[in-house]
């Protein structure tokens, strides 16, 4: 299965309980990638520093956890399992240019390493604000 993917957002709805990830994350980028996924008739997944790779409809609570370099090995393993569980064969990953915001480099490395070790095709696209 071919999917679109982008990294999560620091800005989140503070509504209590569980919300679909697409509603929890408050991000124009995520909404824009979601629109692209709908137009291309593919599923959208979001790369979370806490949950790994989650479908945009997955219900999640509010949390505050940014992926850092130390967490990378654990999240890479988790994403590899999730790629297999969802039978993903190709990922179109929307990210920011590294020079625009290097804080997202750990997310980029996670998706790159997980896809490489699972022999999954990864296409990177840069989301320009």
Protein backbone atom coordinates (compact mmCIF):
# COMPACT_ATOMS: atom_id res chain seq x y z
CA UNK A 1 0.00 0.00 0.00
CA UNK A 2 1.23 3.47 -0.92
CA UNK A 3 0.76 6.16 1.75
CA UNK A 4 1.48 9.81 2.42
CA UNK A 5 3.19 10.71 5.68
CA UNK A 6 4.35 13.79 7.54
CA UNK A 7 5.68 14.47 11.03
CA UNK A 8 3.48 15.51 13.95
CA UNK A 9 2.95 19.00 15.30
CA UNK A 10 3.81 20.67 18.58
CA UNK A 11 0.49 22.53 18.45
CA UNK A 12 -2.33 20.27 19.55
CA UNK A 13 -5.96 20.56 20.49
CA UNK A 14 -6.21 20.53 24.27
CA UNK A 15 -9.63 18.86 24.17
CA UNK A 16 -9.89 16.14 26.78
CA UNK A 17 -10.15 12.50 25.90
CA UNK A 18 -9.16 10.89 22.64
CA UNK A 19 -9.28 12.68 19.28
CA UNK A 20 -8.38 11.42 15.80
CA UNK A 21 -4.79 12.47 15.11
CA UNK A 22 -5.96 14.65 12.20
CA UNK A 23 -8.02 16.66 14.71
CA UNK A 24 -5.52 16.54 17.60
CA UNK A 25 -2.66 18.09 15.64
CA UNK A 26 -3.21 21.75 14.79
CA UNK A 27 -1.07 22.17 11.70
CA UNK A 28 -1.71 23.68 8.27
CA UNK A 29 0.98 21.35 6.92
CA UNK A 30 -0.76 18.23 8.21
CA UNK A 31 -4.11 19.47 6.89
CA UNK A 32 -2.53 20.25 3.52
CA UNK A 33 -0.88 16.84 3.25
CA UNK A 34 -4.21 15.27 4.23
CA UNK A 35 -5.89 17.09 1.34
CA UNK A 36 -3.15 15.82 -1.01
CA UNK A 37 -3.68 12.27 0.27
CA UNK A 38 -7.43 12.49 -0.30
CA UNK A 39 -6.86 13.85 -3.82
CA UNK A 40 -4.43 10.99 -4.59
CA UNK A 41 -6.74 8.43 -2.91
CA UNK A 42 -4.10 7.26 -0.44
CA UNK A 43 -4.04 7.06 3.35
CA UNK A 44 -2.30 9.64 5.53
CA UNK A 45 0.00 8.59 8.36
CA UNK A 46 1.63 10.91 10.88
CA UNK A 47 5.06 10.27 12.38
CA UNK A 48 4.79 10.94 16.11
CA UNK A 49 7.65 11.25 18.59
CA UNK A 50 5.55 9.27 21.06
CA UNK A 51 3.50 6.81 18.98
CA UNK A 52 5.64 6.22 15.91
CA UNK A 53 3.64 5.90 12.71
CA UNK A 54 -0.08 6.49 13.24
CA UNK A 55 -2.99 6.65 10.84
CA UNK A 56 -4.64 10.07 10.73
CA UNK A 57 -7.87 8.55 12.11
CA UNK A 58 -6.15 6.93 15.10
CA UNK A 59 -7.52 8.41 18.30
CA UNK A 60 -4.85 9.80 20.61
CA UNK A 61 -4.80 11.82 23.83
CA UNK A 62 -3.07 15.16 24.23
CA UNK A 63 0.67 14.72 24.82
CA UNK A 64 3.86 16.74 24.60
CA UNK A 65 6.86 14.76 23.41
CA UNK A 66 9.32 15.87 20.77
CA UNK A 67 11.44 13.15 19.16
CA UNK A 68 15.09 13.55 20.07
CA UNK A 69 18.21 11.73 18.93
CA UNK A 70 18.30 9.42 21.98
CA UNK A 71 14.79 8.09 21.23
CA UNK A 72 15.55 7.36 17.58
CA UNK A 73 16.53 3.66 17.83
CA UNK A 74 13.36 2.77 19.77
CA UNK A 75 11.08 4.74 17.42
CA UNK A 76 12.80 3.30 14.32
CA UNK A 77 12.05 -0.22 15.55
CA UNK A 78 8.47 0.76 16.32
CA UNK A 79 8.00 2.33 12.87
CA UNK A 80 9.43 -0.78 11.18
CA UNK A 81 6.79 -2.92 12.92
CA UNK A 82 4.07 -0.44 12.01
CA UNK A 83 5.13 -0.35 8.36
CA UNK A 84 4.81 -4.14 8.28
CA UNK A 85 1.52 -4.18 10.23
CA UNK A 86 -0.09 -1.76 7.78
CA UNK A 87 1.45 -3.53 4.73
CA UNK A 88 2.98 -0.27 3.55
CA UNK A 89 5.14 -0.62 0.45
CA UNK A 90 5.74 3.01 -0.51
CA UNK A 91 5.88 6.22 1.54
CA UNK A 92 5.65 9.75 0.19
CA UNK A 93 7.04 11.75 3.11
CA UNK A 94 6.34 15.45 3.44
CA UNK A 95 8.91 17.32 5.51
CA UNK A 96 10.51 20.72 5.79
CA UNK A 97 13.78 21.73 4.21
CA UNK A 98 16.55 20.93 6.74
CA UNK A 99 17.87 24.48 6.58
CA UNK A 100 14.39 25.85 7.41
CA UNK A 101 14.08 23.89 10.64
CA UNK A 102 16.75 21.36 11.71
CA UNK A 103 14.61 20.26 14.72
CA UNK A 104 12.83 17.85 12.39
CA UNK A 105 15.99 16.04 11.33
CA UNK A 106 15.39 13.18 13.85
CA UNK A 107 11.95 12.56 12.28
CA UNK A 108 13.50 12.50 8.81
CA UNK A 109 16.16 10.03 9.95
CA UNK A 110 13.56 7.74 11.54
CA UNK A 111 11.44 7.42 8.40
CA UNK A 112 14.55 7.08 6.20
CA UNK A 113 16.13 4.34 8.32
CA UNK A 114 12.87 2.44 8.90
CA UNK A 115 11.98 2.45 5.19
CA UNK A 116 15.52 1.50 4.16
CA UNK A 117 15.64 -1.47 6.51
CA UNK A 118 12.21 -2.69 5.37
CA UNK A 119 13.00 -2.21 1.64
CA UNK A 120 10.17 0.31 1.34
CA UNK A 121 10.26 2.96 -1.36
CA UNK A 122 10.59 6.43 0.19
CA UNK A 123 9.93 9.60 -1.75
CA UNK A 124 10.61 12.86 0.08
CA UNK A 125 8.71 16.01 -0.74
CA UNK A 126 9.41 19.34 0.88
CA UNK A 127 6.48 21.28 2.30
CA UNK A 128 7.13 24.97 1.76
CA UNK A 129 5.09 27.36 3.89
